[in-house]
Amino acid sequence: MDTTDSWLFRKEINAGHLLTTVALTFGLISWASTMDSRVTRLETQQEATSIALTRAIDVIDARLNRIEDKLDRVIRHE
């Protein structure tokens, strides 16, 4: 069995391989662009959610402080 033919390289370009490579390249670029826009959108949503949670925590903290003040006044008057 002659194994020298298994590693033969030719200097010609097959049109099918060229078209497939171009299609895969454009597909990869399109996918990467879509992923970039999705990540950007998720980062924006995460930032908005973080701001909303911070505001909610501030409101809850203020309410708890008012409850503590009221409890302190009730305890002092008893």
PDB file of N, CA and C in Angstrom:
ATOM      1  N   MET A   1       0.846  -1.172   0.000  1.00  0.00           N
ATOM      2  CA  MET A   1       0.000   0.000   0.000  1.00  0.00           C
ATOM      3  C   MET A   1       0.894   1.239   0.000  1.00  0.00           C
ATOM      4  N   ASP A   2       0.644   2.144  -0.912  1.00  0.00           N
ATOM      5  CA  ASP A   2       1.451   3.349  -1.052  1.00  0.00           C
ATOM      6  C   ASP A   2       0.810   4.482  -0.237  1.00  0.00           C
ATOM      7  N   THR A   3       1.523   4.997   0.781  1.00  0.00           N
ATOM      8  CA  THR A   3       0.974   6.046   1.658  1.00  0.00           C
ATOM      9  C   THR A   3       1.389   7.438   1.232  1.00  0.00           C
ATOM     10  N   THR A   4       2.168   7.591   0.210  1.00  0.00           N
ATOM     11  CA  THR A   4       2.633   8.918  -0.206  1.00  0.00           C
ATOM     12  C   THR A   4       1.511   9.747  -0.820  1.00  0.00           C
ATOM     13  N   ASP A   5       0.472   9.115  -1.368  1.00  0.00           N
ATOM     14  CA  ASP A   5      -0.628   9.859  -1.984  1.00  0.00           C
ATOM     15  C   ASP A   5      -1.582  10.456  -0.957  1.00  0.00           C
ATOM     16  N   SER A   6      -1.554  10.004   0.298  1.00  0.00           N
ATOM     17  CA  SER A   6      -2.516  10.490   1.286  1.00  0.00           C
ATOM     18  C   SER A   6      -2.211  11.924   1.730  1.00  0.00           C
ATOM     19  N   TRP A   7      -0.990  12.397   1.548  1.00  0.00           N
ATOM     20  CA  TRP A   7      -0.610  13.752   1.963  1.00  0.00           C
ATOM     21  C   TRP A   7      -0.265  14.626   0.761  1.00  0.00           C
ATOM     22  N   LEU A   8      -0.943  14.431  -0.314  1.00  0.00           N
ATOM     23  CA  LEU A   8      -0.684  15.186  -1.523  1.00  0.00           C
ATOM     24  C   LEU A   8      -1.414  16.533  -1.463  1.00  0.00           C
ATOM     25  N   PHE A   9      -0.695  17.621  -1.644  1.00  0.00           N
ATOM     26  CA  PHE A   9      -1.288  18.953  -1.663  1.00  0.00           C
ATOM     27  C   PHE A   9      -1.296  19.463  -3.094  1.00  0.00           C
ATOM     28  N   ARG A  10      -2.436  19.997  -3.492  1.00  0.00           N
ATOM     29  CA  ARG A  10      -2.565  20.528  -4.842  1.00  0.00           C
ATOM     30  C   ARG A  10      -2.619  22.045  -4.780  1.00  0.00           C
ATOM     31  N   LYS A  11      -2.212  22.707  -5.831  1.00  0.00           N
ATOM     32  CA  LYS A  11      -2.208  24.164  -5.877  1.00  0.00           C
ATOM     33  C   LYS A  11      -3.496  24.723  -6.478  1.00  0.00           C
ATOM     34  N   GLU A  12      -4.509  23.942  -6.578  1.00  0.00           N
ATOM     35  CA  GLU A  12      -5.762  24.403  -7.154  1.00  0.00           C
ATOM     36  C   GLU A  12      -6.776  24.669  -6.037  1.00  0.00           C
ATOM     37  N   ILE A  13      -7.738  25.545  -6.329  1.00  0.00           N
ATOM     38  CA  ILE A  13      -8.774  25.886  -5.359  1.00  0.00           C
ATOM     39  C   ILE A  13     -10.099  25.377  -5.901  1.00  0.00           C
ATOM     40  N   ASN A  14     -10.781  24.602  -5.101  1.00  0.00           N
ATOM     41  CA  ASN A  14     -12.069  24.066  -5.482  1.00  0.00           C
ATOM     42  C   ASN A  14     -13.128  25.142  -5.215  1.00  0.00           C
ATOM     43  N   ALA A  15     -13.974  25.428  -6.191  1.00  0.00           N
ATOM     44  CA  ALA A  15     -14.998  26.469  -6.047  1.00  0.00           C
ATOM     45  C   ALA A  15     -15.964  26.137  -4.914  1.00  0.00           C
ATOM     46  N   GLY A  16     -16.298  24.899  -4.730  1.00  0.00           N
ATOM     47  CA  GLY A  16     -17.199  24.492  -3.653  1.00  0.00           C
ATOM     48  C   GLY A  16     -16.601  24.787  -2.287  1.00  0.00           C
ATOM     49  N   HIS A  17     -15.326  24.479  -2.134  1.00  0.00           N
ATOM     50  CA  HIS A  17     -14.655  24.773  -0.857  1.00  0.00           C
ATOM     51  C   HIS A  17     -14.561  26.270  -0.619  1.00  0.00           C
ATOM     52  N   LEU A  18     -14.281  27.020  -1.672  1.00  0.00           N
ATOM     53  CA  LEU A  18     -14.177  28.469  -1.542  1.00  0.00           C
ATOM     54  C   LEU A  18     -15.521  29.069  -1.131  1.00  0.00           C
ATOM     55  N   LEU A  19     -16.602  28.662  -1.785  1.00  0.00           N
ATOM     56  CA  LEU A  19     -17.929  29.170  -1.445  1.00  0.00           C
ATOM     57  C   LEU A  19     -18.332  28.768  -0.030  1.00  0.00           C
ATOM     58  N   THR A  20     -18.017  27.560   0.354  1.00  0.00           N
ATOM     59  CA  THR A  20     -18.330  27.105   1.714  1.00  0.00           C
ATOM     60  C   THR A  20     -17.563  27.915   2.747  1.00  0.00           C
ATOM     61  N   THR A  21     -16.298  28.170   2.494  1.00  0.00           N
ATOM     62  CA  THR A  21     -15.485  28.960   3.424  1.00  0.00           C
ATOM     63  C   THR A  21     -16.018  30.377   3.539  1.00  0.00           C
ATOM     64  N   VAL A  22     -16.384  30.977   2.418  1.00  0.00           N
ATOM     65  CA  VAL A  22     -16.937  32.331   2.437  1.00  0.00           C
ATOM     66  C   VAL A  22     -18.264  32.349   3.189  1.00  0.00           C
ATOM     67  N   ALA A  23     -19.119  31.380   2.943  1.00  0.00           N
ATOM     68  CA  ALA A  23     -20.413  31.316   3.625  1.00  0.00           C
ATOM     69  C   ALA A  23     -20.227  31.133   5.127  1.00  0.00           C
ATOM     70  N   LEU A  24     -19.320  30.256   5.521  1.00  0.00           N
ATOM     71  CA  LEU A  24     -19.060  30.051   6.946  1.00  0.00           C
ATOM     72  C   LEU A  24     -18.489  31.306   7.595  1.00  0.00           C
ATOM     73  N   THR A  25     -17.632  32.007   6.874  1.00  0.00           N
ATOM     74  CA  THR A  25     -17.048  33.240   7.410  1.00  0.00           C
ATOM     75  C   THR A  25     -18.125  34.289   7.633  1.00  0.00           C
ATOM     76  N   PHE A  26     -18.982  34.499   6.646  1.00  0.00           N
ATOM     77  CA  PHE A  26     -20.064  35.461   6.817  1.00  0.00           C
ATOM     78  C   PHE A  26     -21.035  35.021   7.905  1.00  0.00           C
ATOM     79  N   GLY A  27     -21.304  33.735   8.000  1.00  0.00           N
ATOM     80  CA  GLY A  27     -22.167  33.225   9.064  1.00  0.00           C
ATOM     81  C   GLY A  27     -21.580  33.486  10.438  1.00  0.00           C
ATOM     82  N   LEU A  28     -20.292  33.274  10.577  1.00  0.00           N
ATOM     83  CA  LEU A  28     -19.618  33.511  11.852  1.00  0.00           C
ATOM     84  C   LEU A  28     -19.648  34.995  12.215  1.00  0.00           C
ATOM     85  N   ILE A  29     -19.405  35.861  11.244  1.00  0.00           N
ATOM     86  CA  ILE A  29     -19.446  37.304  11.496  1.00  0.00           C
ATOM     87  C   ILE A  29     -20.855  37.732  11.898  1.00  0.00           C
ATOM     88  N   SER A  30     -21.860  37.210  11.216  1.00  0.00           N
ATOM     89  CA  SER A  30     -23.245  37.529  11.541  1.00  0.00           C
ATOM     90  C   SER A  30     -23.592  37.061  12.946  1.00  0.00           C
ATOM     91  N   TRP A  31     -23.207  35.852  13.291  1.00  0.00           N
ATOM     92  CA  TRP A  31     -23.465  35.307  14.628  1.00  0.00           C
ATOM     93  C   TRP A  31     -22.775  36.157  15.697  1.00  0.00           C
ATOM     94  N   ALA A  32     -21.530  36.530  15.457  1.00  0.00           N
ATOM     95  CA  ALA A  32     -20.783  37.330  16.429  1.00  0.00           C
ATOM     96  C   ALA A  32     -21.433  38.699  16.610  1.00  0.00           C
ATOM     97  N   SER A  33     -21.907  39.287  15.534  1.00  0.00           N
ATOM     98  CA  SER A  33     -22.575  40.582  15.624  1.00  0.00           C
ATOM     99  C   SER A  33     -23.867  40.466  16.430  1.00  0.00           C
ATOM    100  N   THR A  34     -24.622  39.412  16.195  1.00  0.00           N
ATOM    101  CA  THR A  34     -25.857  39.183  16.942  1.00  0.00           C
ATOM    102  C   THR A  34     -25.562  38.986  18.423  1.00  0.00           C
ATOM    103  N   MET A  35     -24.538  38.205  18.722  1.00  0.00           N
ATOM    104  CA  MET A  35     -24.177  37.971  20.120  1.00  0.00           C
ATOM    105  C   MET A  35     -23.741  39.270  20.790  1.00  0.00           C
ATOM    106  N   ASP A  36     -23.015  40.111  20.074  1.00  0.00           N
ATOM    107  CA  ASP A  36     -22.573  41.385  20.638  1.00  0.00           C
ATOM    108  C   ASP A  36     -23.765  42.261  20.985  1.00  0.00           C
ATOM    109  N   SER A  37     -24.739  42.327  20.091  1.00  0.00           N
ATOM    110  CA  SER A  37     -25.920  43.153  20.364  1.00  0.00           C
ATOM    111  C   SER A  37     -26.734  42.571  21.516  1.00  0.00           C
ATOM    112  N   ARG A  38     -26.814  41.248  21.619  1.00  0.00           N
ATOM    113  CA  ARG A  38     -27.539  40.629  22.728  1.00  0.00           C
ATOM    114  C   ARG A  38     -26.850  40.906  24.055  1.00  0.00           C
ATOM    115  N   VAL A  39     -25.546  40.804  24.084  1.00  0.00           N
ATOM    116  CA  VAL A  39     -24.794  41.067  25.311  1.00  0.00           C
ATOM    117  C   VAL A  39     -24.952  42.529  25.717  1.00  0.00           C
ATOM    118  N   THR A  40     -24.895  43.437  24.759  1.00  0.00           N
ATOM    119  CA  THR A  40     -25.074  44.855  25.052  1.00  0.00           C
ATOM    120  C   THR A  40     -26.459  45.118  25.635  1.00  0.00           C
ATOM    121  N   ARG A  41     -27.479  44.499  25.043  1.00  0.00           N
ATOM    122  CA  ARG A  41     -28.849  44.653  25.537  1.00  0.00           C
ATOM    123  C   ARG A  41     -28.982  44.091  26.952  1.00  0.00           C
ATOM    124  N   LEU A  42     -28.386  42.935  27.212  1.00  0.00           N
ATOM    125  CA  LEU A  42     -28.444  42.349  28.550  1.00  0.00           C
ATOM    126  C   LEU A  42     -27.708  43.202  29.576  1.00  0.00           C
ATOM    127  N   GLU A  43     -26.588  43.787  29.187  1.00  0.00           N
ATOM    128  CA  GLU A  43     -25.867  44.670  30.104  1.00  0.00           C
ATOM    129  C   GLU A  43     -26.707  45.885  30.461  1.00  0.00           C
ATOM    130  N   THR A  44     -27.402  46.450  29.479  1.00  0.00           N
ATOM    131  CA  THR A  44     -28.261  47.604  29.723  1.00  0.00           C
ATOM    132  C   THR A  44     -29.404  47.230  30.654  1.00  0.00           C
ATOM    133  N   GLN A  45     -30.023  46.074  30.421  1.00  0.00           N
ATOM    134  CA  GLN A  45     -31.108  45.618  31.283  1.00  0.00           C
ATOM    135  C   GLN A  45     -30.613  45.362  32.701  1.00  0.00           C
ATOM    136  N   GLN A  46     -29.430  44.794  32.823  1.00  0.00           N
ATOM    137  CA  GLN A  46     -28.881  44.514  34.142  1.00  0.00           C
ATOM    138  C   GLN A  46     -28.613  45.811  34.897  1.00  0.00           C
ATOM    139  N   GLU A  47     -28.121  46.812  34.206  1.00  0.00           N
ATOM    140  CA  GLU A  47     -27.854  48.101  34.841  1.00  0.00           C
ATOM    141  C   GLU A  47     -29.155  48.743  35.316  1.00  0.00           C
ATOM    142  N   ALA A  48     -30.192  48.688  34.481  1.00  0.00           N
ATOM    143  CA  ALA A  48     -31.487  49.253  34.863  1.00  0.00           C
ATOM    144  C   ALA A  48     -32.073  48.494  36.055  1.00  0.00           C
ATOM    145  N   THR A  49     -31.943  47.181  36.052  1.00  0.00           N
ATOM    146  CA  THR A  49     -32.441  46.373  37.165  1.00  0.00           C
ATOM    147  C   THR A  49     -31.683  46.697  38.443  1.00  0.00           C
ATOM    148  N   SER A  50     -30.391  46.874  38.338  1.00  0.00           N
ATOM    149  CA  SER A  50     -29.577  47.212  39.500  1.00  0.00           C
ATOM    150  C   SER A  50     -29.989  48.550  40.091  1.00  0.00           C
ATOM    151  N   ILE A  51     -30.245  49.534  39.244  1.00  0.00           N
ATOM    152  CA  ILE A  51     -30.680  50.848  39.714  1.00  0.00           C
ATOM    153  C   ILE A  51     -32.045  50.740  40.395  1.00  0.00           C
ATOM    154  N   ALA A  52     -32.959  49.986  39.792  1.00  0.00           N
ATOM    155  CA  ALA A  52     -34.294  49.816  40.377  1.00  0.00           C
ATOM    156  C   ALA A  52     -34.205  49.115  41.734  1.00  0.00           C
ATOM    157  N   LEU A  53     -33.360  48.100  41.843  1.00  0.00           N
ATOM    158  CA  LEU A  53     -33.211  47.398  43.120  1.00  0.00           C
ATOM    159  C   LEU A  53     -32.605  48.299  44.182  1.00  0.00           C
ATOM    160  N   THR A  54     -31.652  49.117  43.797  1.00  0.00           N
ATOM    161  CA  THR A  54     -31.050  50.056  44.745  1.00  0.00           C
ATOM    162  C   THR A  54     -32.094  51.034  45.265  1.00  0.00           C
ATOM    163  N   ARG A  55     -32.935  51.538  44.381  1.00  0.00           N
ATOM    164  CA  ARG A  55     -34.010  52.448  44.804  1.00  0.00           C
ATOM    165  C   ARG A  55     -34.997  51.738  45.722  1.00  0.00           C
ATOM    166  N   ALA A  56     -35.358  50.504  45.397  1.00  0.00           N
ATOM    167  CA  ALA A  56     -36.292  49.750  46.235  1.00  0.00           C
ATOM    168  C   ALA A  56     -35.694  49.503  47.622  1.00  0.00           C
ATOM    169  N   ILE A  57     -34.431  49.188  47.676  1.00  0.00           N
ATOM    170  CA  ILE A  57     -33.769  48.971  48.971  1.00  0.00           C
ATOM    171  C   ILE A  57     -33.760  50.263  49.774  1.00  0.00           C
ATOM    172  N   ASP A  58     -33.527  51.392  49.120  1.00  0.00           N
ATOM    173  CA  ASP A  58     -33.545  52.682  49.814  1.00  0.00           C
ATOM    174  C   ASP A  58     -34.925  52.974  50.398  1.00  0.00           C
ATOM    175  N   VAL A  59     -35.982  52.681  49.630  1.00  0.00           N
ATOM    176  CA  VAL A  59     -37.351  52.894  50.110  1.00  0.00           C
ATOM    177  C   VAL A  59     -37.635  51.990  51.308  1.00  0.00           C
ATOM    178  N   ILE A  60     -37.255  50.733  51.206  1.00  0.00           N
ATOM    179  CA  ILE A  60     -37.472  49.797  52.305  1.00  0.00           C
ATOM    180  C   ILE A  60     -36.697  50.221  53.544  1.00  0.00           C
ATOM    181  N   ASP A  61     -35.472  50.682  53.332  1.00  0.00           N
ATOM    182  CA  ASP A  61     -34.654  51.136  54.452  1.00  0.00           C
ATOM    183  C   ASP A  61     -35.301  52.335  55.147  1.00  0.00           C
ATOM    184  N   ALA A  62     -35.825  53.274  54.356  1.00  0.00           N
ATOM    185  CA  ALA A  62     -36.493  54.446  54.936  1.00  0.00           C
ATOM    186  C   ALA A  62     -37.727  54.031  55.722  1.00  0.00           C
ATOM    187  N   ARG A  63     -38.505  53.101  55.192  1.00  0.00           N
ATOM    188  CA  ARG A  63     -39.697  52.624  55.891  1.00  0.00           C
ATOM    189  C   ARG A  63     -39.327  51.912  57.190  1.00  0.00           C
ATOM    190  N   LEU A  64     -38.283  51.116  57.152  1.00  0.00           N
ATOM    191  CA  LEU A  64     -37.853  50.434  58.379  1.00  0.00           C
ATOM    192  C   LEU A  64     -37.375  51.432  59.425  1.00  0.00           C
ATOM    193  N   ASN A  65     -36.714  52.476  58.995  1.00  0.00           N
ATOM    194  CA  ASN A  65     -36.282  53.515  59.932  1.00  0.00           C
ATOM    195  C   ASN A  65     -37.487  54.199  60.584  1.00  0.00           C
ATOM    196  N   ARG A  66     -38.527  54.483  59.802  1.00  0.00           N
ATOM    197  CA  ARG A  66     -39.735  55.092  60.373  1.00  0.00           C
ATOM    198  C   ARG A  66     -40.404  54.146  61.350  1.00  0.00           C
ATOM    199  N   ILE A  67     -40.440  52.857  61.035  1.00  0.00           N
ATOM    200  CA  ILE A  67     -41.028  51.872  61.955  1.00  0.00           C
ATOM    201  C   ILE A  67     -40.228  51.812  63.250  1.00  0.00           C
ATOM    202  N   GLU A  68     -38.916  51.828  63.139  1.00  0.00           N
ATOM    203  CA  GLU A  68     -38.074  51.817  64.343  1.00  0.00           C
ATOM    204  C   GLU A  68     -38.321  53.060  65.195  1.00  0.00           C
ATOM    205  N   ASP A  69     -38.431  54.218  64.543  1.00  0.00           N
ATOM    206  CA  ASP A  69     -38.703  55.450  65.286  1.00  0.00           C
ATOM    207  C   ASP A  69     -40.039  55.381  66.016  1.00  0.00           C
ATOM    208  N   LYS A  70     -41.064  54.867  65.336  1.00  0.00           N
ATOM    209  CA  LYS A  70     -42.373  54.736  65.968  1.00  0.00           C
ATOM    210  C   LYS A  70     -42.321  53.763  67.135  1.00  0.00           C
ATOM    211  N   LEU A  71     -41.618  52.650  66.972  1.00  0.00           N
ATOM    212  CA  LEU A  71     -41.488  51.689  68.065  1.00  0.00           C
ATOM    213  C   LEU A  71     -40.745  52.299  69.248  1.00  0.00           C
ATOM    214  N   ASP A  72     -39.709  53.066  68.959  1.00  0.00           N
ATOM    215  CA  ASP A  72     -38.969  53.729  70.033  1.00  0.00           C
ATOM    216  C   ASP A  72     -39.876  54.691  70.803  1.00  0.00           C
ATOM    217  N   ARG A  73     -40.725  55.452  70.106  1.00  0.00           N
ATOM    218  CA  ARG A  73     -41.635  56.381  70.776  1.00  0.00           C
ATOM    219  C   ARG A  73     -42.664  55.632  71.611  1.00  0.00           C
ATOM    220  N   VAL A  74     -43.169  54.503  71.074  1.00  0.00           N
ATOM    221  CA  VAL A  74     -44.148  53.711  71.838  1.00  0.00           C
ATOM    222  C   VAL A  74     -43.513  53.143  73.077  1.00  0.00           C
ATOM    223  N   ILE A  75     -42.294  52.649  72.972  1.00  0.00           N
ATOM    224  CA  ILE A  75     -41.612  52.066  74.117  1.00  0.00           C
ATOM    225  C   ILE A  75     -41.311  53.119  75.180  1.00  0.00           C
ATOM    226  N   ARG A  76     -40.953  54.324  74.779  1.00  0.00           N
ATOM    227  CA  ARG A  76     -40.655  55.400  75.741  1.00  0.00           C
ATOM    228  C   ARG A  76     -41.897  55.841  76.505  1.00  0.00           C
ATOM    229  N   HIS A  77     -43.050  55.812  75.878  1.00  0.00           N
ATOM    230  CA  HIS A  77     -44.293  56.289  76.516  1.00  0.00           C
ATOM    231  C   HIS A  77     -44.915  55.236  77.413  1.00  0.00           C
ATOM    232  N   GLU A  78     -44.451  54.040  77.388  1.00  0.00           N
ATOM    233  CA  GLU A  78     -45.035  52.995  78.233  1.00  0.00           C
ATOM    234  C   GLU A  78     -44.441  52.950  79.580  1.00  0.00           C
TER     235      GLU A  78
END
